[in-house]
Amino acid sequence: MKNFEMFKILQADAQVKALLADRIFEDMAPSATATPYLIWTEVSGAPENNLDCGAKVDHLEIQVLIYDPYKVTARNIRSEVCRVLEKKHVIDARLGHYEADTKLWARGFSMNVWLNR
């Protein structure tokens, strides 16, 4: 299966790159990462099977969260990231919460991605 290259996709957009620099991580950010930063996680995945041959496409559900001490900043970055990703992928749910232990707002979404094998 091909990799979903979130970092590469987002770094190609000048506006997102200006907002996040290289602070785009799969699954977990390193300790003491400067804010804002983005975490993306593959929540689920399944092959798109066919009756006459093996799967040629994989369907993934990806969760994206932007963390920042300011809710408005996290929300604005979410809008920019959505603008980039929704050109090729389906954004299907908005997400958000406050993490009391880190004192960071998380704003994000889940999306569906289909990858050719």
C-alpha atoms as a PDB file:
ATOM      1  CA  MET A   1       0.000   0.000   0.000  1.00  0.00           C
ATOM      2  CA  LYS A   2       1.222   3.499  -0.798  1.00  0.00           C
ATOM      3  CA  ASN A   3       1.835   5.906   2.074  1.00  0.00           C
ATOM      4  CA  PHE A   4      -0.415   8.891   2.629  1.00  0.00           C
ATOM      5  CA  GLU A   5       2.044  11.791   2.606  1.00  0.00           C
ATOM      6  CA  MET A   6       0.374  14.447   4.768  1.00  0.00           C
ATOM      7  CA  PHE A   7       3.627  16.333   5.383  1.00  0.00           C
ATOM      8  CA  LYS A   8       4.425  16.583   1.670  1.00  0.00           C
ATOM      9  CA  ILE A   9       0.884  17.664   0.736  1.00  0.00           C
ATOM     10  CA  LEU A  10       0.707  20.419   3.359  1.00  0.00           C
ATOM     11  CA  GLN A  11       4.257  21.669   2.837  1.00  0.00           C
ATOM     12  CA  ALA A  12       3.427  22.276  -0.840  1.00  0.00           C
ATOM     13  CA  ASP A  13       0.977  25.035   0.192  1.00  0.00           C
ATOM     14  CA  ALA A  14       2.716  28.331   1.036  1.00  0.00           C
ATOM     15  CA  GLN A  15      -0.007  29.520   3.458  1.00  0.00           C
ATOM     16  CA  VAL A  16      -0.052  26.293   5.486  1.00  0.00           C
ATOM     17  CA  LYS A  17       3.737  26.132   5.480  1.00  0.00           C
ATOM     18  CA  ALA A  18       3.865  29.707   6.820  1.00  0.00           C
ATOM     19  CA  LEU A  19       1.467  28.774   9.650  1.00  0.00           C
ATOM     20  CA  LEU A  20       2.922  25.398  10.661  1.00  0.00           C
ATOM     21  CA  ALA A  21       6.495  25.395   9.298  1.00  0.00           C
ATOM     22  CA  ASP A  22       7.608  21.764   9.660  1.00  0.00           C
ATOM     23  CA  ARG A  23       5.448  21.025  12.734  1.00  0.00           C
ATOM     24  CA  ILE A  24       3.356  18.292  11.056  1.00  0.00           C
ATOM     25  CA  PHE A  25       3.570  14.896  12.729  1.00  0.00           C
ATOM     26  CA  GLU A  26       2.099  11.444  12.359  1.00  0.00           C
ATOM     27  CA  ASP A  27       0.491  10.105  15.569  1.00  0.00           C
ATOM     28  CA  MET A  28       2.401  12.202  18.141  1.00  0.00           C
ATOM     29  CA  ALA A  29       4.433  15.399  18.391  1.00  0.00           C
ATOM     30  CA  PRO A  30       7.857  15.295  20.036  1.00  0.00           C
ATOM     31  CA  SER A  31       7.960  16.551  23.608  1.00  0.00           C
ATOM     32  CA  ALA A  32       8.157  20.360  23.939  1.00  0.00           C
ATOM     33  CA  THR A  33       7.146  21.008  20.312  1.00  0.00           C
ATOM     34  CA  ALA A  34       6.398  24.686  19.705  1.00  0.00           C
ATOM     35  CA  THR A  35       2.787  25.556  18.909  1.00  0.00           C
ATOM     36  CA  PRO A  36       0.902  25.566  16.677  1.00  0.00           C
ATOM     37  CA  TYR A  37       1.416  22.037  15.436  1.00  0.00           C
ATOM     38  CA  LEU A  38      -0.585  19.414  13.547  1.00  0.00           C
ATOM     39  CA  ILE A  39      -1.002  15.742  14.369  1.00  0.00           C
ATOM     40  CA  TRP A  40      -2.537  13.300  11.901  1.00  0.00           C
ATOM     41  CA  THR A  41      -3.492   9.703  12.622  1.00  0.00           C
ATOM     42  CA  GLU A  42      -4.792   6.858  10.497  1.00  0.00           C
ATOM     43  CA  VAL A  43      -7.945   5.902  12.412  1.00  0.00           C
ATOM     44  CA  SER A  44      -9.004   3.028  10.177  1.00  0.00           C
ATOM     45  CA  GLY A  45      -8.350   1.532   6.806  1.00  0.00           C
ATOM     46  CA  ALA A  46      -9.715  -1.181   4.569  1.00  0.00           C
ATOM     47  CA  PRO A  47      -9.016  -2.490   1.087  1.00  0.00           C
ATOM     48  CA  GLU A  48     -11.656  -1.790  -1.552  1.00  0.00           C
ATOM     49  CA  ASN A  49     -12.033  -5.434  -2.565  1.00  0.00           C
ATOM     50  CA  ASN A  50     -13.358  -6.624  -5.930  1.00  0.00           C
ATOM     51  CA  LEU A  51     -14.998  -9.916  -6.844  1.00  0.00           C
ATOM     52  CA  ASP A  52     -12.810 -10.492  -9.891  1.00  0.00           C
ATOM     53  CA  CYS A  53      -9.398  -9.389  -8.532  1.00  0.00           C
ATOM     54  CA  GLY A  54      -7.598  -8.143  -5.463  1.00  0.00           C
ATOM     55  CA  ALA A  55      -8.018  -4.620  -4.129  1.00  0.00           C
ATOM     56  CA  LYS A  56      -6.509  -1.832  -6.201  1.00  0.00           C
ATOM     57  CA  VAL A  57      -7.512   0.933  -3.786  1.00  0.00           C
ATOM     58  CA  ASP A  58      -7.344   1.334  -0.016  1.00  0.00           C
ATOM     59  CA  HIS A  59      -9.849   3.471   1.870  1.00  0.00           C
ATOM     60  CA  LEU A  60      -8.439   5.256   4.931  1.00  0.00           C
ATOM     61  CA  GLU A  61     -10.033   7.409   7.589  1.00  0.00           C
ATOM     62  CA  ILE A  62      -7.574  10.045   8.780  1.00  0.00           C
ATOM     63  CA  GLN A  63      -8.004  12.276  11.832  1.00  0.00           C
ATOM     64  CA  VAL A  64      -6.256  15.665  11.838  1.00  0.00           C
ATOM     65  CA  LEU A  65      -5.873  17.904  14.916  1.00  0.00           C
ATOM     66  CA  ILE A  66      -4.182  21.296  15.206  1.00  0.00           C
ATOM     67  CA  TYR A  67      -2.979  22.258  18.691  1.00  0.00           C
ATOM     68  CA  ASP A  68      -2.464  25.788  19.984  1.00  0.00           C
ATOM     69  CA  PRO A  69      -3.006  27.700  23.258  1.00  0.00           C
ATOM     70  CA  TYR A  70      -5.476  29.954  21.420  1.00  0.00           C
ATOM     71  CA  LYS A  71      -8.715  28.471  20.153  1.00  0.00           C
ATOM     72  CA  VAL A  72      -9.030  31.014  17.333  1.00  0.00           C
ATOM     73  CA  THR A  73      -5.540  30.195  16.023  1.00  0.00           C
ATOM     74  CA  ALA A  74      -6.237  26.444  16.014  1.00  0.00           C
ATOM     75  CA  ARG A  75      -9.579  27.080  14.271  1.00  0.00           C
ATOM     76  CA  ASN A  76      -8.030  29.348  11.615  1.00  0.00           C
ATOM     77  CA  ILE A  77      -5.267  26.874  10.841  1.00  0.00           C
ATOM     78  CA  ARG A  78      -7.877  24.111  10.598  1.00  0.00           C
ATOM     79  CA  SER A  79      -9.627  26.172   7.908  1.00  0.00           C
ATOM     80  CA  GLU A  80      -6.426  26.523   5.895  1.00  0.00           C
ATOM     81  CA  VAL A  81      -5.556  22.826   6.195  1.00  0.00           C
ATOM     82  CA  CYS A  82      -9.116  21.912   5.141  1.00  0.00           C
ATOM     83  CA  ARG A  83      -8.819  24.214   2.130  1.00  0.00           C
ATOM     84  CA  VAL A  84      -5.762  22.265   0.956  1.00  0.00           C
ATOM     85  CA  LEU A  85      -6.956  18.741   1.720  1.00  0.00           C
ATOM     86  CA  GLU A  86     -10.575  18.980   0.570  1.00  0.00           C
ATOM     87  CA  LYS A  87      -9.397  19.459  -3.023  1.00  0.00           C
ATOM     88  CA  LYS A  88      -8.739  15.698  -3.206  1.00  0.00           C
ATOM     89  CA  HIS A  89     -10.243  14.160  -0.073  1.00  0.00           C
ATOM     90  CA  VAL A  90     -13.619  14.122   1.679  1.00  0.00           C
ATOM     91  CA  ILE A  91     -13.789  16.052   4.960  1.00  0.00           C
ATOM     92  CA  ASP A  92     -16.625  14.488   6.919  1.00  0.00           C
ATOM     93  CA  ALA A  93     -16.558  15.700  10.537  1.00  0.00           C
ATOM     94  CA  ARG A  94     -15.245  18.652  12.527  1.00  0.00           C
ATOM     95  CA  LEU A  95     -13.526  17.853  15.812  1.00  0.00           C
ATOM     96  CA  GLY A  96     -12.446  19.913  18.796  1.00  0.00           C
ATOM     97  CA  HIS A  97     -11.673  19.832  22.475  1.00  0.00           C
ATOM     98  CA  TYR A  98      -9.563  21.480  25.186  1.00  0.00           C
ATOM     99  CA  GLU A  99      -6.786  19.520  26.850  1.00  0.00           C
ATOM    100  CA  ALA A 100      -6.556  20.675  30.447  1.00  0.00           C
ATOM    101  CA  ASP A 101      -3.237  18.933  31.146  1.00  0.00           C
ATOM    102  CA  THR A 102      -1.394  20.666  28.263  1.00  0.00           C
ATOM    103  CA  LYS A 103      -3.618  23.765  28.247  1.00  0.00           C
ATOM    104  CA  LEU A 104      -3.961  23.494  24.472  1.00  0.00           C
ATOM    105  CA  TRP A 105      -6.977  23.768  22.219  1.00  0.00           C
ATOM    106  CA  ALA A 106      -7.328  21.060  19.587  1.00  0.00           C
ATOM    107  CA  ARG A 107      -9.319  21.816  16.453  1.00  0.00           C
ATOM    108  CA  GLY A 108      -9.501  19.409  13.554  1.00  0.00           C
ATOM    109  CA  PHE A 109     -11.510  17.049  11.410  1.00  0.00           C
ATOM    110  CA  SER A 110     -11.710  13.547  10.050  1.00  0.00           C
ATOM    111  CA  MET A 111     -11.462  12.793   6.362  1.00  0.00           C
ATOM    112  CA  ASN A 112     -11.713   9.909   3.944  1.00  0.00           C
ATOM    113  CA  VAL A 113      -8.791   9.137   1.657  1.00  0.00           C
ATOM    114  CA  TRP A 114      -8.649   6.620  -1.194  1.00  0.00           C
ATOM    115  CA  LEU A 115      -5.145   5.535  -2.173  1.00  0.00           C
ATOM    116  CA  ASN A 116      -4.296   3.608  -5.296  1.00  0.00           C
ATOM    117  CA  ARG A 117      -2.056   0.638  -4.619  1.00  0.00           C
END
